[in-house]
Amino acid sequence: MSTLRYSRDVTDPGIDCPTQFDRLEEGDEVGKVIVSEADLQARIADLGAAITADYQGRPPLLVGVLKGAFMFMSDLSRAIALPCEVDFMAVSSYGSATRTSGVVRIVKDLDIVLLDRHVLVVEDIVDSGLTLSYLQRYLLARQPASLEVCALLVKEGQQRTALDLRYVGFTIPADFVIGYGLDVAERYRNLPAIHAYDGPTD
């Protein structure tokens, strides 16, 4: 099985200025585009092709981490040319804040038994990595045949624990971001691109 460790660097501060259509929300909280809608869809197609090749003969169970990964999970599942199954769990460490509390709470658990399944966790964003590390240990205790992670975004230089991420969409700056499923107090999830968040961070 090949290992895909490509991540697209989008740290250029001049990338894609948002238009009024991109914003969808009034006000100055929606900042510049970090990853455009077109780049998201192109990269997800690449990830889907890689996952399809790697999991031939052993269709994966995709585990989406709610709520942030719901858009990514939907698009990624359609880019995988295998009869994969899906399930969801919700893990909270932010609440309505823009900084992680450091306390991980399982809000919704899985419905499907993981024993001897090939599980692919679909994450929206990896920040400190503490929540994902907890989640991996939690799922491994259920004895899947394999457990890998596909993360759409990884914040550059923010990880406080070692992580093995098999599939990564984009490496982004350490700014708080919104859009494409990512929110602040449940707002901005419906933006089609990933934007910097220019509102208050406390």
N, C-alpha and C. Protein backbone atom coordinates (compact mmCIF):
# COMPACT_ATOMS: atom_id res chain seq x y z
N MET A 1 0.84 -1.19 0.00
CA MET A 1 0.00 0.00 0.00
C MET A 1 0.89 1.25 0.00
N SER A 2 0.56 2.18 -0.85
CA SER A 2 1.33 3.42 -0.89
C SER A 2 0.89 4.35 0.22
N THR A 3 1.78 5.24 0.63
CA THR A 3 1.47 6.22 1.66
C THR A 3 1.51 7.60 1.05
N LEU A 4 0.40 8.31 1.13
CA LEU A 4 0.30 9.65 0.56
C LEU A 4 0.60 10.66 1.65
N ARG A 5 1.69 11.38 1.53
CA ARG A 5 2.04 12.36 2.54
C ARG A 5 2.14 13.75 1.93
N TYR A 6 1.61 13.92 0.76
CA TYR A 6 1.61 15.21 0.10
C TYR A 6 0.68 16.16 0.83
N SER A 7 1.15 17.35 1.09
CA SER A 7 0.26 18.40 1.59
C SER A 7 0.57 19.67 0.83
N ARG A 8 -0.46 20.36 0.45
CA ARG A 8 -0.31 21.54 -0.39
C ARG A 8 -0.10 22.76 0.49
N ASP A 9 0.98 23.46 0.28
CA ASP A 9 1.30 24.62 1.10
C ASP A 9 0.53 25.83 0.59
N VAL A 10 -0.30 26.40 1.46
CA VAL A 10 -1.10 27.57 1.06
C VAL A 10 -0.81 28.73 1.99
N THR A 11 0.46 28.90 2.34
CA THR A 11 0.82 29.96 3.28
C THR A 11 1.05 31.30 2.60
N ASP A 12 0.95 31.38 1.28
CA ASP A 12 1.12 32.63 0.56
C ASP A 12 0.04 33.61 0.98
N PRO A 13 0.37 34.74 1.60
CA PRO A 13 -0.66 35.67 2.08
C PRO A 13 -1.44 36.33 0.97
N GLY A 14 -0.97 36.23 -0.28
CA GLY A 14 -1.67 36.90 -1.36
C GLY A 14 -2.65 36.01 -2.10
N ILE A 15 -2.91 34.81 -1.57
CA ILE A 15 -3.76 33.87 -2.31
C ILE A 15 -5.20 34.35 -2.33
N ASP A 16 -5.79 34.37 -3.51
CA ASP A 16 -7.21 34.60 -3.74
C ASP A 16 -7.90 35.59 -2.81
N CYS A 17 -8.21 36.77 -3.30
CA CYS A 17 -9.00 37.72 -2.52
C CYS A 17 -10.48 37.33 -2.62
N PRO A 18 -11.23 37.37 -1.52
CA PRO A 18 -12.64 36.99 -1.57
C PRO A 18 -13.48 38.03 -2.29
N THR A 19 -14.50 37.56 -2.99
CA THR A 19 -15.47 38.45 -3.60
C THR A 19 -16.67 38.57 -2.67
N GLN A 20 -17.59 39.47 -3.00
CA GLN A 20 -18.80 39.60 -2.20
C GLN A 20 -19.59 38.29 -2.21
N PHE A 21 -19.58 37.59 -3.36
CA PHE A 21 -20.30 36.32 -3.45
C PHE A 21 -19.69 35.29 -2.52
N ASP A 22 -18.36 35.29 -2.43
CA ASP A 22 -17.69 34.33 -1.56
C ASP A 22 -18.06 34.52 -0.09
N ARG A 23 -18.34 35.76 0.29
CA ARG A 23 -18.52 36.04 1.71
C ARG A 23 -19.81 35.43 2.26
N LEU A 24 -20.92 35.58 1.56
CA LEU A 24 -22.22 35.06 1.97
C LEU A 24 -22.73 35.64 3.28
N GLU A 25 -21.87 36.32 4.01
CA GLU A 25 -22.23 36.92 5.29
C GLU A 25 -21.82 38.38 5.26
N GLU A 26 -22.62 39.24 5.87
CA GLU A 26 -22.24 40.64 5.98
C GLU A 26 -21.26 40.82 7.15
N GLY A 27 -20.48 41.88 7.10
CA GLY A 27 -19.58 42.17 8.20
C GLY A 27 -18.14 41.87 7.87
N ASP A 28 -17.26 42.25 8.76
CA ASP A 28 -15.83 42.14 8.53
C ASP A 28 -15.20 40.90 9.15
N GLU A 29 -16.01 39.99 9.71
CA GLU A 29 -15.44 38.82 10.36
C GLU A 29 -14.92 37.80 9.36
N VAL A 30 -15.46 37.80 8.14
CA VAL A 30 -15.02 36.86 7.11
C VAL A 30 -13.82 37.46 6.40
N GLY A 31 -12.65 36.90 6.62
CA GLY A 31 -11.42 37.46 6.08
C GLY A 31 -11.06 36.88 4.73
N LYS A 32 -9.80 36.98 4.40
CA LYS A 32 -9.31 36.55 3.09
C LYS A 32 -9.47 35.05 2.89
N VAL A 33 -9.51 34.63 1.64
CA VAL A 33 -9.60 33.22 1.30
C VAL A 33 -8.24 32.55 1.57
N ILE A 34 -8.28 31.49 2.34
CA ILE A 34 -7.08 30.70 2.61
C ILE A 34 -6.96 29.54 1.61
N VAL A 35 -8.09 28.87 1.35
CA VAL A 35 -8.15 27.82 0.32
C VAL A 35 -9.42 28.05 -0.47
N SER A 36 -9.29 28.23 -1.78
CA SER A 36 -10.45 28.53 -2.62
C SER A 36 -11.32 27.30 -2.83
N GLU A 37 -12.55 27.54 -3.26
CA GLU A 37 -13.48 26.44 -3.55
C GLU A 37 -12.92 25.52 -4.63
N ALA A 38 -12.33 26.10 -5.67
CA ALA A 38 -11.77 25.30 -6.76
C ALA A 38 -10.61 24.43 -6.27
N ASP A 39 -9.74 25.00 -5.44
CA ASP A 39 -8.62 24.22 -4.91
C ASP A 39 -9.09 23.11 -3.99
N LEU A 40 -10.11 23.38 -3.20
CA LEU A 40 -10.68 22.34 -2.35
C LEU A 40 -11.15 21.15 -3.17
N GLN A 41 -11.93 21.43 -4.20
CA GLN A 41 -12.50 20.33 -4.99
C GLN A 41 -11.43 19.57 -5.76
N ALA A 42 -10.41 20.27 -6.25
CA ALA A 42 -9.33 19.59 -6.97
C ALA A 42 -8.54 18.67 -6.04
N ARG A 43 -8.25 19.16 -4.85
CA ARG A 43 -7.47 18.36 -3.90
C ARG A 43 -8.28 17.17 -3.39
N ILE A 44 -9.57 17.36 -3.17
CA ILE A 44 -10.42 16.25 -2.72
C ILE A 44 -10.49 15.16 -3.78
N ALA A 45 -10.52 15.54 -5.04
CA ALA A 45 -10.48 14.55 -6.12
C ALA A 45 -9.18 13.74 -6.06
N ASP A 46 -8.06 14.42 -5.78
CA ASP A 46 -6.78 13.72 -5.64
C ASP A 46 -6.80 12.75 -4.46
N LEU A 47 -7.33 13.22 -3.33
CA LEU A 47 -7.41 12.35 -2.15
C LEU A 47 -8.29 11.14 -2.41
N GLY A 48 -9.43 11.37 -3.07
CA GLY A 48 -10.32 10.26 -3.38
C GLY A 48 -9.66 9.22 -4.26
N ALA A 49 -8.88 9.67 -5.24
CA ALA A 49 -8.18 8.73 -6.13
C ALA A 49 -7.14 7.93 -5.36
N ALA A 50 -6.41 8.60 -4.46
CA ALA A 50 -5.39 7.91 -3.67
C ALA A 50 -6.01 6.88 -2.73
N ILE A 51 -7.12 7.24 -2.08
CA ILE A 51 -7.80 6.32 -1.18
C ILE A 51 -8.36 5.14 -1.96
N THR A 52 -8.92 5.39 -3.13
CA THR A 52 -9.44 4.32 -3.98
C THR A 52 -8.33 3.32 -4.31
N ALA A 53 -7.15 3.81 -4.67
CA ALA A 53 -6.04 2.92 -5.01
C ALA A 53 -5.55 2.14 -3.79
N ASP A 54 -5.46 2.81 -2.64
CA ASP A 54 -4.91 2.17 -1.44
C ASP A 54 -5.83 1.12 -0.84
N TYR A 55 -7.14 1.30 -1.01
CA TYR A 55 -8.10 0.42 -0.35
C TYR A 55 -8.77 -0.57 -1.31
N GLN A 56 -8.15 -0.83 -2.44
CA GLN A 56 -8.70 -1.83 -3.35
C GLN A 56 -8.81 -3.18 -2.64
N GLY A 57 -9.98 -3.80 -2.74
CA GLY A 57 -10.19 -5.11 -2.13
C GLY A 57 -10.53 -5.06 -0.65
N ARG A 58 -10.55 -3.90 -0.07
CA ARG A 58 -10.91 -3.76 1.36
C ARG A 58 -11.57 -2.41 1.57
N PRO A 59 -12.77 -2.22 1.09
CA PRO A 59 -13.46 -0.93 1.17
C PRO A 59 -13.45 -0.38 2.59
N PRO A 60 -13.14 0.91 2.74
CA PRO A 60 -13.04 1.47 4.09
C PRO A 60 -14.39 1.87 4.67
N LEU A 61 -14.40 1.94 5.99
CA LEU A 61 -15.50 2.58 6.71
C LEU A 61 -15.03 3.99 7.01
N LEU A 62 -15.71 4.97 6.44
CA LEU A 62 -15.36 6.37 6.68
C LEU A 62 -16.05 6.85 7.95
N VAL A 63 -15.26 7.37 8.87
CA VAL A 63 -15.80 7.90 10.12
C VAL A 63 -15.62 9.41 10.10
N GLY A 64 -16.69 10.14 9.90
CA GLY A 64 -16.64 11.59 9.87
C GLY A 64 -16.76 12.18 11.26
N VAL A 65 -15.94 13.18 11.54
CA VAL A 65 -15.96 13.84 12.85
C VAL A 65 -16.80 15.11 12.73
N LEU A 66 -17.97 15.08 13.36
CA LEU A 66 -18.91 16.20 13.29
C LEU A 66 -18.51 17.30 14.26
N LYS A 67 -18.96 18.54 13.97
CA LYS A 67 -19.75 18.87 12.81
C LYS A 67 -18.88 19.35 11.66
N GLY A 68 -17.65 19.73 11.95
CA GLY A 68 -16.83 20.43 10.97
C GLY A 68 -16.54 19.67 9.70
N ALA A 69 -16.52 18.33 9.77
CA ALA A 69 -16.12 17.54 8.60
C ALA A 69 -17.27 17.17 7.68
N PHE A 70 -18.48 17.67 7.95
CA PHE A 70 -19.61 17.14 7.18
C PHE A 70 -19.52 17.45 5.69
N MET A 71 -19.07 18.65 5.32
CA MET A 71 -18.94 18.97 3.89
C MET A 71 -17.81 18.17 3.25
N PHE A 72 -16.67 18.13 3.93
CA PHE A 72 -15.52 17.38 3.43
C PHE A 72 -15.87 15.90 3.29
N MET A 73 -16.53 15.34 4.28
CA MET A 73 -16.93 13.93 4.24
C MET A 73 -17.83 13.63 3.04
N SER A 74 -18.78 14.52 2.80
CA SER A 74 -19.70 14.33 1.68
C SER A 74 -18.96 14.32 0.35
N ASP A 75 -18.11 15.33 0.14
CA ASP A 75 -17.38 15.41 -1.13
C ASP A 75 -16.35 14.30 -1.28
N LEU A 76 -15.65 13.97 -0.18
CA LEU A 76 -14.64 12.92 -0.25
C LEU A 76 -15.26 11.57 -0.55
N SER A 77 -16.38 11.25 0.08
CA SER A 77 -17.01 9.95 -0.15
C SER A 77 -17.40 9.78 -1.61
N ARG A 78 -17.82 10.86 -2.25
CA ARG A 78 -18.20 10.79 -3.67
C ARG A 78 -16.99 10.71 -4.58
N ALA A 79 -15.82 11.06 -4.07
CA ALA A 79 -14.59 10.98 -4.86
C ALA A 79 -13.91 9.62 -4.73
N ILE A 80 -14.42 8.75 -3.86
CA ILE A 80 -13.85 7.42 -3.66
C ILE A 80 -14.65 6.41 -4.48
N ALA A 81 -13.98 5.74 -5.41
CA ALA A 81 -14.66 4.81 -6.32
C ALA A 81 -14.67 3.41 -5.72
N LEU A 82 -15.21 3.30 -4.51
CA LEU A 82 -15.35 2.02 -3.81
C LEU A 82 -16.68 2.03 -3.07
N PRO A 83 -17.23 0.86 -2.77
CA PRO A 83 -18.51 0.81 -2.04
C PRO A 83 -18.30 1.00 -0.54
N CYS A 84 -17.81 2.17 -0.15
CA CYS A 84 -17.49 2.41 1.26
C CYS A 84 -18.75 2.70 2.08
N GLU A 85 -18.65 2.43 3.38
CA GLU A 85 -19.71 2.78 4.32
C GLU A 85 -19.30 4.04 5.08
N VAL A 86 -20.28 4.68 5.70
CA VAL A 86 -20.00 5.90 6.46
C VAL A 86 -20.68 5.84 7.83
N ASP A 87 -20.04 6.46 8.79
CA ASP A 87 -20.63 6.65 10.10
C ASP A 87 -20.07 7.97 10.64
N PHE A 88 -20.66 8.46 11.71
CA PHE A 88 -20.27 9.77 12.25
C PHE A 88 -20.13 9.70 13.76
N MET A 89 -19.20 10.51 14.26
CA MET A 89 -19.15 10.75 15.69
C MET A 89 -18.88 12.22 15.92
N ALA A 90 -19.29 12.70 17.07
CA ALA A 90 -19.07 14.10 17.42
C ALA A 90 -18.19 14.16 18.65
N VAL A 91 -17.11 14.95 18.52
CA VAL A 91 -16.15 15.11 19.60
C VAL A 91 -15.99 16.60 19.84
N SER A 92 -16.09 17.04 21.08
CA SER A 92 -16.03 18.46 21.38
C SER A 92 -14.82 18.78 22.25
N SER A 93 -14.08 19.83 21.84
CA SER A 93 -13.04 20.38 22.72
C SER A 93 -13.02 21.90 22.63
N TYR A 94 -13.87 22.47 21.76
CA TYR A 94 -13.92 23.91 21.57
C TYR A 94 -15.15 24.56 22.18
N GLY A 95 -16.30 23.89 22.12
CA GLY A 95 -17.55 24.55 22.49
C GLY A 95 -17.82 25.67 21.50
N SER A 96 -18.13 26.86 21.97
CA SER A 96 -18.37 28.01 21.08
C SER A 96 -17.16 28.92 21.00
N ALA A 97 -16.04 28.50 21.57
CA ALA A 97 -14.84 29.34 21.61
C ALA A 97 -13.98 29.12 20.38
N THR A 98 -12.95 29.95 20.23
CA THR A 98 -12.01 29.81 19.12
C THR A 98 -10.71 29.17 19.58
N ARG A 99 -10.62 28.81 20.84
CA ARG A 99 -9.45 28.12 21.37
C ARG A 99 -9.90 26.83 22.04
N THR A 100 -9.15 25.75 21.81
CA THR A 100 -9.51 24.47 22.42
C THR A 100 -9.42 24.54 23.93
N SER A 101 -10.35 23.88 24.60
CA SER A 101 -10.34 23.84 26.06
C SER A 101 -9.36 22.81 26.59
N GLY A 102 -8.94 21.88 25.73
CA GLY A 102 -8.05 20.81 26.16
C GLY A 102 -8.78 19.63 26.77
N VAL A 103 -10.09 19.76 26.95
CA VAL A 103 -10.91 18.68 27.50
C VAL A 103 -11.73 18.08 26.36
N VAL A 104 -11.54 16.79 26.10
CA VAL A 104 -12.21 16.12 24.99
C VAL A 104 -13.46 15.41 25.51
N ARG A 105 -14.55 15.61 24.81
CA ARG A 105 -15.82 15.01 25.21
C ARG A 105 -16.46 14.34 24.00
N ILE A 106 -16.86 13.08 24.12
CA ILE A 106 -17.59 12.37 23.07
C ILE A 106 -19.06 12.78 23.15
N VAL A 107 -19.53 13.48 22.13
CA VAL A 107 -20.91 13.96 22.11
C VAL A 107 -21.83 12.95 21.43
N LYS A 108 -21.33 12.32 20.35
CA LYS A 108 -22.07 11.27 19.65
C LYS A 108 -21.11 10.15 19.30
N ASP A 109 -21.46 8.93 19.66
CA ASP A 109 -20.61 7.79 19.36
C ASP A 109 -21.06 7.12 18.06
N LEU A 110 -20.28 6.15 17.61
CA LEU A 110 -20.56 5.44 16.37
C LEU A 110 -21.70 4.45 16.54
N ASP A 111 -22.36 4.14 15.42
CA ASP A 111 -23.39 3.12 15.40
C ASP A 111 -22.87 1.78 14.88
N ILE A 112 -21.78 1.81 14.09
CA ILE A 112 -21.25 0.61 13.44
C ILE A 112 -20.13 0.02 14.28
N VAL A 113 -20.10 -1.30 14.38
CA VAL A 113 -19.03 -2.02 15.09
C VAL A 113 -17.75 -1.95 14.26
N LEU A 114 -16.63 -1.63 14.91
CA LEU A 114 -15.37 -1.45 14.20
C LEU A 114 -14.51 -2.69 14.11
N LEU A 115 -14.84 -3.74 14.82
CA LEU A 115 -14.02 -4.94 14.87
C LEU A 115 -13.70 -5.45 13.46
N ASP A 116 -12.39 -5.55 13.17
CA ASP A 116 -11.88 -6.07 11.89
C ASP A 116 -12.27 -5.22 10.67
N ARG A 117 -12.66 -3.98 10.90
CA ARG A 117 -12.97 -3.07 9.79
C ARG A 117 -11.76 -2.20 9.47
N HIS A 118 -11.68 -1.78 8.21
CA HIS A 118 -10.65 -0.84 7.79
C HIS A 118 -11.24 0.57 7.92
N VAL A 119 -10.81 1.27 8.95
CA VAL A 119 -11.44 2.53 9.33
C VAL A 119 -10.58 3.71 8.87
N LEU A 120 -11.22 4.67 8.23
CA LEU A 120 -10.57 5.91 7.82
C LEU A 120 -11.29 7.08 8.48
N VAL A 121 -10.62 7.71 9.42
CA VAL A 121 -11.18 8.87 10.12
C VAL A 121 -11.06 10.09 9.22
N VAL A 122 -12.16 10.80 9.02
CA VAL A 122 -12.19 11.98 8.17
C VAL A 122 -12.32 13.21 9.06
N GLU A 123 -11.25 13.99 9.14
CA GLU A 123 -11.18 15.16 10.00
C GLU A 123 -11.18 16.43 9.16
N ASP A 124 -11.79 17.49 9.69
CA ASP A 124 -11.76 18.77 8.99
C ASP A 124 -10.43 19.48 9.19
N ILE A 125 -9.95 19.56 10.44
CA ILE A 125 -8.75 20.35 10.71
C ILE A 125 -8.01 19.77 11.91
N VAL A 126 -6.69 19.76 11.82
CA VAL A 126 -5.84 19.33 12.94
C VAL A 126 -5.11 20.56 13.44
N ASP A 127 -5.37 20.89 14.70
CA ASP A 127 -4.76 22.06 15.33
C ASP A 127 -3.68 21.57 16.29
N SER A 128 -3.97 21.45 17.57
CA SER A 128 -2.98 20.94 18.52
C SER A 128 -2.73 19.45 18.32
N GLY A 129 -3.72 18.74 17.79
CA GLY A 129 -3.62 17.30 17.60
C GLY A 129 -4.06 16.50 18.81
N LEU A 130 -4.36 17.15 19.92
CA LEU A 130 -4.73 16.44 21.14
C LEU A 130 -6.06 15.71 20.99
N THR A 131 -7.05 16.37 20.38
CA THR A 131 -8.35 15.73 20.18
C THR A 131 -8.22 14.51 19.28
N LEU A 132 -7.49 14.65 18.18
CA LEU A 132 -7.33 13.54 17.25
C LEU A 132 -6.56 12.40 17.90
N SER A 133 -5.54 12.70 18.68
CA SER A 133 -4.78 11.66 19.37
C SER A 133 -5.68 10.87 20.31
N TYR A 134 -6.53 11.57 21.05
CA TYR A 134 -7.49 10.91 21.93
C TYR A 134 -8.44 10.03 21.12
N LEU A 135 -8.93 10.57 20.01
CA LEU A 135 -9.88 9.84 19.18
C LEU A 135 -9.25 8.57 18.61
N GLN A 136 -8.01 8.64 18.17
CA GLN A 136 -7.34 7.46 17.65
C GLN A 136 -7.23 6.37 18.71
N ARG A 137 -6.84 6.74 19.91
CA ARG A 137 -6.74 5.74 20.99
C ARG A 137 -8.11 5.14 21.30
N TYR A 138 -9.12 5.97 21.30
CA TYR A 138 -10.48 5.53 21.58
C TYR A 138 -10.96 4.52 20.54
N LEU A 139 -10.68 4.78 19.28
CA LEU A 139 -11.13 3.89 18.21
C LEU A 139 -10.28 2.63 18.12
N LEU A 140 -8.99 2.72 18.37
CA LEU A 140 -8.13 1.54 18.35
C LEU A 140 -8.53 0.51 19.40
N ALA A 141 -9.10 0.98 20.49
CA ALA A 141 -9.55 0.06 21.54
C ALA A 141 -10.67 -0.85 21.04
N ARG A 142 -11.30 -0.49 19.92
CA ARG A 142 -12.38 -1.31 19.36
C ARG A 142 -11.87 -2.32 18.32
N GLN A 143 -10.58 -2.42 18.21
CA GLN A 143 -9.91 -3.46 17.41
C GLN A 143 -10.28 -3.45 15.92
N PRO A 144 -10.15 -2.31 15.26
CA PRO A 144 -10.32 -2.32 13.80
C PRO A 144 -9.14 -3.04 13.15
N ALA A 145 -9.34 -3.51 11.92
CA ALA A 145 -8.24 -4.13 11.18
C ALA A 145 -7.16 -3.11 10.86
N SER A 146 -7.55 -1.88 10.59
CA SER A 146 -6.61 -0.78 10.36
C SER A 146 -7.31 0.52 10.70
N LEU A 147 -6.50 1.53 11.03
CA LEU A 147 -7.05 2.84 11.36
C LEU A 147 -6.12 3.90 10.78
N GLU A 148 -6.64 4.71 9.86
CA GLU A 148 -5.88 5.79 9.25
C GLU A 148 -6.69 7.09 9.35
N VAL A 149 -6.02 8.19 9.05
CA VAL A 149 -6.66 9.51 9.16
C VAL A 149 -6.51 10.26 7.84
N CYS A 150 -7.58 10.89 7.42
CA CYS A 150 -7.57 11.81 6.29
C CYS A 150 -8.01 13.18 6.81
N ALA A 151 -7.08 14.11 6.89
CA ALA A 151 -7.36 15.45 7.41
C ALA A 151 -7.33 16.46 6.27
N LEU A 152 -8.38 17.26 6.16
CA LEU A 152 -8.42 18.26 5.11
C LEU A 152 -7.37 19.34 5.35
N LEU A 153 -7.27 19.84 6.59
CA LEU A 153 -6.38 20.95 6.92
C LEU A 153 -5.50 20.58 8.11
N VAL A 154 -4.25 20.98 8.05
CA VAL A 154 -3.34 20.87 9.18
C VAL A 154 -2.73 22.24 9.42
N LYS A 155 -2.87 22.74 10.64
CA LYS A 155 -2.28 24.05 10.96
C LYS A 155 -0.78 23.91 11.16
N GLU A 156 -0.05 24.75 10.49
CA GLU A 156 1.40 24.68 10.50
C GLU A 156 1.97 24.99 11.88
N GLY A 157 2.78 24.06 12.41
CA GLY A 157 3.53 24.30 13.64
C GLY A 157 2.71 24.33 14.91
N GLN A 158 1.47 23.83 14.89
CA GLN A 158 0.62 23.91 16.08
C GLN A 158 0.50 22.59 16.84
N GLN A 159 0.99 21.50 16.29
CA GLN A 159 0.77 20.19 16.89
C GLN A 159 1.58 20.04 18.19
N ARG A 160 0.89 19.57 19.23
CA ARG A 160 1.52 19.37 20.53
C ARG A 160 1.72 17.89 20.83
N THR A 161 1.43 17.04 19.87
CA THR A 161 1.64 15.61 20.00
C THR A 161 1.97 15.05 18.63
N ALA A 162 2.74 13.95 18.60
CA ALA A 162 3.12 13.33 17.33
C ALA A 162 1.91 12.64 16.71
N LEU A 163 1.69 12.89 15.43
CA LEU A 163 0.55 12.31 14.73
C LEU A 163 1.02 11.65 13.44
N ASP A 164 0.36 10.55 13.08
CA ASP A 164 0.63 9.88 11.81
C ASP A 164 -0.60 10.08 10.93
N LEU A 165 -0.52 11.06 10.04
CA LEU A 165 -1.64 11.39 9.16
C LEU A 165 -1.35 10.83 7.78
N ARG A 166 -2.11 9.86 7.37
CA ARG A 166 -1.84 9.21 6.07
C ARG A 166 -2.19 10.12 4.90
N TYR A 167 -3.30 10.84 5.01
CA TYR A 167 -3.73 11.71 3.93
C TYR A 167 -3.95 13.12 4.48
N VAL A 168 -3.35 14.11 3.82
CA VAL A 168 -3.48 15.51 4.23
C VAL A 168 -3.84 16.34 3.00
N GLY A 169 -4.84 17.18 3.15
CA GLY A 169 -5.25 18.04 2.05
C GLY A 169 -4.35 19.25 1.91
N PHE A 170 -4.33 20.10 2.92
CA PHE A 170 -3.59 21.36 2.86
C PHE A 170 -2.93 21.66 4.20
N THR A 171 -1.73 22.21 4.15
CA THR A 171 -1.10 22.81 5.31
C THR A 171 -1.38 24.31 5.25
N ILE A 172 -1.94 24.85 6.35
CA ILE A 172 -2.34 26.25 6.36
C ILE A 172 -1.65 26.99 7.51
N PRO A 173 -1.65 28.33 7.46
CA PRO A 173 -1.11 29.09 8.59
C PRO A 173 -1.89 28.83 9.87
N ALA A 174 -1.37 29.31 10.98
CA ALA A 174 -1.96 29.01 12.30
C ALA A 174 -3.18 29.85 12.63
N ASP A 175 -3.65 30.69 11.69
CA ASP A 175 -4.84 31.51 11.94
C ASP A 175 -6.08 30.65 12.15
N PHE A 176 -7.04 31.18 12.90
CA PHE A 176 -8.34 30.53 13.02
C PHE A 176 -9.07 30.68 11.68
N VAL A 177 -9.67 29.60 11.19
CA VAL A 177 -10.31 29.63 9.88
C VAL A 177 -11.77 29.18 9.98
N ILE A 178 -12.54 29.63 8.99
CA ILE A 178 -13.96 29.33 8.92
C ILE A 178 -14.32 28.96 7.48
N GLY A 179 -15.50 28.37 7.34
CA GLY A 179 -16.01 28.02 6.02
C GLY A 179 -15.82 26.55 5.70
N TYR A 180 -16.58 26.07 4.73
CA TYR A 180 -16.55 24.68 4.28
C TYR A 180 -16.70 23.73 5.48
N GLY A 181 -17.69 24.02 6.31
CA GLY A 181 -17.98 23.20 7.47
C GLY A 181 -17.44 23.74 8.77
N LEU A 182 -16.42 24.59 8.72
CA LEU A 182 -15.81 25.13 9.93
C LEU A 182 -16.57 26.37 10.39
N ASP A 183 -16.67 26.53 11.70
CA ASP A 183 -17.57 27.56 12.23
C ASP A 183 -16.94 28.37 13.35
N VAL A 184 -17.63 29.44 13.70
CA VAL A 184 -17.48 30.13 14.98
C VAL A 184 -18.88 30.22 15.56
N ALA A 185 -19.11 29.56 16.70
CA ALA A 185 -20.44 29.57 17.33
C ALA A 185 -21.54 29.21 16.33
N GLU A 186 -21.26 28.20 15.48
CA GLU A 186 -22.18 27.65 14.49
C GLU A 186 -22.40 28.54 13.27
N ARG A 187 -21.68 29.63 13.15
CA ARG A 187 -21.81 30.50 11.97
C ARG A 187 -20.71 30.20 10.97
N TYR A 188 -21.00 30.50 9.70
CA TYR A 188 -20.04 30.47 8.59
C TYR A 188 -19.76 29.08 8.02
N ARG A 189 -20.43 28.05 8.51
CA ARG A 189 -20.17 26.71 7.95
C ARG A 189 -20.49 26.64 6.47
N ASN A 190 -21.45 27.46 5.99
CA ASN A 190 -21.92 27.35 4.61
C ASN A 190 -21.07 28.10 3.60
N LEU A 191 -20.00 28.75 4.03
CA LEU A 191 -19.09 29.37 3.06
C LEU A 191 -18.45 28.29 2.20
N PRO A 192 -18.36 28.47 0.88
CA PRO A 192 -17.84 27.41 0.00
C PRO A 192 -16.32 27.30 -0.02
N ALA A 193 -15.63 28.28 0.56
CA ALA A 193 -14.17 28.26 0.61
C ALA A 193 -13.73 28.34 2.07
N ILE A 194 -12.43 28.16 2.31
CA ILE A 194 -11.86 28.32 3.64
C ILE A 194 -11.35 29.75 3.76
N HIS A 195 -11.85 30.47 4.77
CA HIS A 195 -11.47 31.86 4.99
C HIS A 195 -10.76 32.02 6.33
N ALA A 196 -9.93 33.05 6.44
CA ALA A 196 -9.46 33.49 7.75
C ALA A 196 -10.63 34.11 8.50
N TYR A 197 -10.61 33.98 9.82
CA TYR A 197 -11.62 34.59 10.65
C TYR A 197 -11.05 35.87 11.25
N ASP A 198 -11.70 36.98 10.97
CA ASP A 198 -11.20 38.29 11.40
C ASP A 198 -11.94 38.85 12.61
N GLY A 199 -12.78 38.05 13.23
CA GLY A 199 -13.52 38.51 14.40
C GLY A 199 -12.72 38.32 15.68
N PRO A 200 -13.33 38.59 16.83
CA PRO A 200 -12.66 38.41 18.11
C PRO A 200 -12.34 36.94 18.36
N THR A 201 -11.19 36.68 18.97
CA THR A 201 -10.73 35.29 19.17
C THR A 201 -10.80 34.84 20.61
N ASP A 202 -11.37 35.64 21.49
CA ASP A 202 -11.49 35.23 22.89
C ASP A 202 -12.96 35.12 23.29
